[in-house]
Amino acid sequence: MKKLKLYLDTSTISHLDQHDASDKMQDTLRFWKDVEKGQYDIFLSYICFDELLRCSHEKRMMLAEYISRVSYTHVSYSNEIYTLANEFVTHGILKQSSFDDAQHLASAMVSECDAIISWNFKHMVNVKTIGGIKIVAAITRYRETAIYTPTMLLGGDNNDS
């Protein structure tokens, strides 16, 4: 079976150490175990690393240690990503003030990822953005990319009926 190609946005990485959101942190840590096992093809972009620089030094070092334990494809800045990110703003899916999030979406689509993994409900994991990906995909040559939370990739509990 082909591995899913997953683009991780900054919120996913950040929730590896997010004690004020313990349920999300626990699900992210469980998801990360599957990432470490190589269950997915992982993609991280320049924008993720730029955003992680805004974390405290201690948190940044801890997250860098997690990242160092996995294989991933680094998505570098390109005019193609910038142009596609602008489509999300032009069509009112995201505001210019959320251009970093538009770049996450574009990075995943340009990289032909199957899904974006995010905890960002305000700008990413919501009906408007999910529908917006469909719109942008329809007017460009890029295929749709799904948006999931880490929890959605976890298998059910073995005790489920």
Protein backbone atom coordinates (compact mmCIF):
# COMPACT_ATOMS: atom_id res chain seq x y z
CA MET A 1 0.00 0.00 0.00
CA LYS A 2 1.27 3.46 -0.94
CA LYS A 3 2.22 5.73 1.96
CA LEU A 4 0.25 8.91 2.39
CA LYS A 5 2.19 12.08 1.62
CA LEU A 6 1.53 14.40 4.57
CA TYR A 7 2.41 18.07 4.86
CA LEU A 8 2.76 19.09 8.51
CA ASP A 9 2.02 22.70 9.33
CA THR A 10 3.63 24.46 12.27
CA SER A 11 0.72 23.84 14.64
CA THR A 12 1.27 20.09 14.37
CA ILE A 13 4.95 20.37 15.25
CA SER A 14 4.22 22.87 18.01
CA HIS A 15 1.69 20.55 19.66
CA LEU A 16 4.42 18.00 20.35
CA ASP A 17 5.07 20.25 23.37
CA GLN A 18 1.84 22.10 24.11
CA HIS A 19 0.99 21.50 27.76
CA ASP A 20 -1.93 23.95 27.74
CA ALA A 21 -3.69 21.68 25.23
CA SER A 22 -2.92 18.28 26.70
CA ASP A 23 -5.46 16.25 24.67
CA LYS A 24 -4.14 17.65 21.39
CA MET A 25 -0.57 17.17 22.61
CA GLN A 26 -1.23 13.52 23.49
CA ASP A 27 -2.81 12.84 20.09
CA THR A 28 0.07 14.60 18.35
CA LEU A 29 2.60 12.50 20.27
CA ARG A 30 0.71 9.32 19.30
CA PHE A 31 0.65 10.46 15.67
CA TRP A 32 4.38 11.29 15.87
CA LYS A 33 5.15 7.69 16.85
CA ASP A 34 3.67 6.61 13.49
CA VAL A 35 5.69 9.35 11.76
CA GLU A 36 8.88 8.06 13.43
CA LYS A 37 8.06 4.53 12.23
CA GLY A 38 8.04 5.85 8.65
CA GLN A 39 4.35 5.17 8.16
CA TYR A 40 4.00 8.40 6.11
CA ASP A 41 6.03 10.46 3.65
CA ILE A 42 6.43 13.74 5.54
CA PHE A 43 6.83 17.21 4.04
CA LEU A 44 7.93 20.29 6.01
CA SER A 45 8.37 23.70 4.44
CA TYR A 46 10.50 26.77 4.86
CA ILE A 47 7.50 28.55 6.36
CA CYS A 48 7.22 25.94 9.13
CA PHE A 49 10.86 26.41 10.07
CA ASP A 50 10.50 30.22 9.92
CA GLU A 51 7.49 30.05 12.26
CA LEU A 52 9.28 27.70 14.66
CA LEU A 53 11.97 30.37 15.08
CA ARG A 54 9.31 32.39 16.94
CA CYS A 55 9.14 29.76 19.71
CA SER A 56 11.16 30.13 22.88
CA HIS A 57 14.69 28.76 22.64
CA GLU A 58 13.84 25.85 24.95
CA LYS A 59 10.74 24.81 22.99
CA ARG A 60 12.53 25.30 19.65
CA MET A 61 15.33 22.96 20.74
CA MET A 62 12.85 20.33 21.95
CA LEU A 63 10.90 20.47 18.67
CA ALA A 64 14.13 20.34 16.65
CA GLU A 65 14.99 17.12 18.49
CA TYR A 66 11.63 15.59 17.52
CA ILE A 67 12.12 16.65 13.88
CA SER A 68 15.63 15.20 13.82
CA ARG A 69 14.17 11.74 14.49
CA VAL A 70 12.15 11.60 11.27
CA SER A 71 12.77 11.58 7.55
CA TYR A 72 11.10 14.39 5.67
CA THR A 73 11.19 16.25 2.41
CA HIS A 74 12.05 19.93 2.80
CA VAL A 75 9.83 22.17 0.67
CA SER A 76 11.82 25.25 -0.32
CA TYR A 77 10.40 28.65 -1.19
CA SER A 78 9.49 29.08 -4.85
CA ASN A 79 7.65 31.55 -7.04
CA GLU A 80 5.21 28.73 -7.78
CA ILE A 81 4.29 28.47 -4.07
CA TYR A 82 4.07 32.26 -3.72
CA THR A 83 1.78 32.54 -6.77
CA LEU A 84 -0.49 29.73 -5.58
CA ALA A 85 -0.63 31.19 -2.05
CA ASN A 86 -1.84 34.44 -3.60
CA GLU A 87 -4.77 32.55 -5.14
CA PHE A 88 -6.06 31.81 -1.62
CA VAL A 89 -5.96 35.52 -0.80
CA THR A 90 -7.33 36.66 -4.17
CA HIS A 91 -10.36 34.39 -3.81
CA GLY A 92 -11.04 35.48 -0.22
CA ILE A 93 -10.27 32.11 1.33
CA LEU A 94 -7.61 33.61 3.60
CA LYS A 95 -6.74 37.23 4.34
CA GLN A 96 -3.40 38.79 3.47
CA SER A 97 -2.64 38.81 7.22
CA SER A 98 -2.79 34.99 7.07
CA PHE A 99 -0.42 34.71 4.12
CA ASP A 100 1.83 32.29 6.04
CA ASP A 101 -1.11 29.88 6.21
CA ALA A 102 -1.77 30.37 2.50
CA GLN A 103 1.87 29.41 1.91
CA HIS A 104 1.35 26.23 3.94
CA LEU A 105 -1.62 25.32 1.73
CA ALA A 106 0.31 26.13 -1.43
CA SER A 107 3.41 24.22 -0.29
CA ALA A 108 1.30 21.11 0.26
CA MET A 109 -0.46 21.42 -3.09
CA VAL A 110 2.72 22.10 -5.07
CA SER A 111 4.33 19.10 -3.34
CA GLU A 112 1.32 16.96 -4.34
CA CYS A 113 0.66 15.93 -0.76
CA ASP A 114 -2.41 13.88 0.03
CA ALA A 115 -3.20 15.90 3.16
CA ILE A 116 -2.20 18.83 5.32
CA ILE A 117 -2.03 17.95 9.01
CA SER A 118 -2.93 20.86 11.25
CA TRP A 119 -4.41 21.98 14.56
CA ASN A 120 -5.08 25.47 13.13
CA PHE A 121 -8.88 25.56 13.18
CA LYS A 122 -9.04 29.33 12.63
CA HIS A 123 -7.33 29.31 9.23
CA MET A 124 -6.88 25.72 8.06
CA VAL A 125 -9.12 22.99 9.50
CA ASN A 126 -12.48 24.57 8.72
CA VAL A 127 -15.21 24.43 6.09
CA LYS A 128 -14.18 27.69 4.38
CA THR A 129 -10.56 26.64 3.81
CA ILE A 130 -11.41 23.05 2.88
CA GLY A 131 -13.90 24.37 0.34
CA GLY A 132 -11.35 26.95 -0.75
CA ILE A 133 -8.85 24.25 -1.62
CA LYS A 134 -11.49 22.76 -3.91
CA ILE A 135 -11.99 26.14 -5.60
CA VAL A 136 -8.28 26.83 -6.05
CA ALA A 137 -7.67 23.29 -7.29
CA ALA A 138 -10.48 23.70 -9.85
CA ILE A 139 -9.03 26.90 -11.30
CA THR A 140 -5.39 25.79 -11.26
CA ARG A 141 -3.58 22.67 -12.38
CA TYR A 142 -3.10 21.42 -8.82
CA ARG A 143 -5.03 18.56 -7.29
CA GLU A 144 -7.04 18.92 -4.11
CA THR A 145 -5.27 18.36 -0.82
CA ALA A 146 -7.29 17.21 2.20
CA ILE A 147 -6.91 18.82 5.63
CA TYR A 148 -6.88 16.64 8.76
CA THR A 149 -5.97 16.93 12.41
CA PRO A 150 -3.43 14.44 13.78
CA THR A 151 -6.29 12.75 15.65
CA MET A 152 -7.97 11.85 12.37
CA LEU A 153 -4.96 9.71 11.40
CA LEU A 154 -4.93 7.69 14.60
CA GLY A 155 -6.46 4.23 14.56
CA GLY A 156 -9.32 3.46 16.84
CA ASP A 157 -8.75 2.06 20.30
CA ASN A 158 -8.35 -1.72 20.28
CA ASN A 159 -11.12 -1.88 22.89
CA ASP A 160 -13.68 -0.28 20.59
CA SER A 161 -16.78 -2.36 19.93
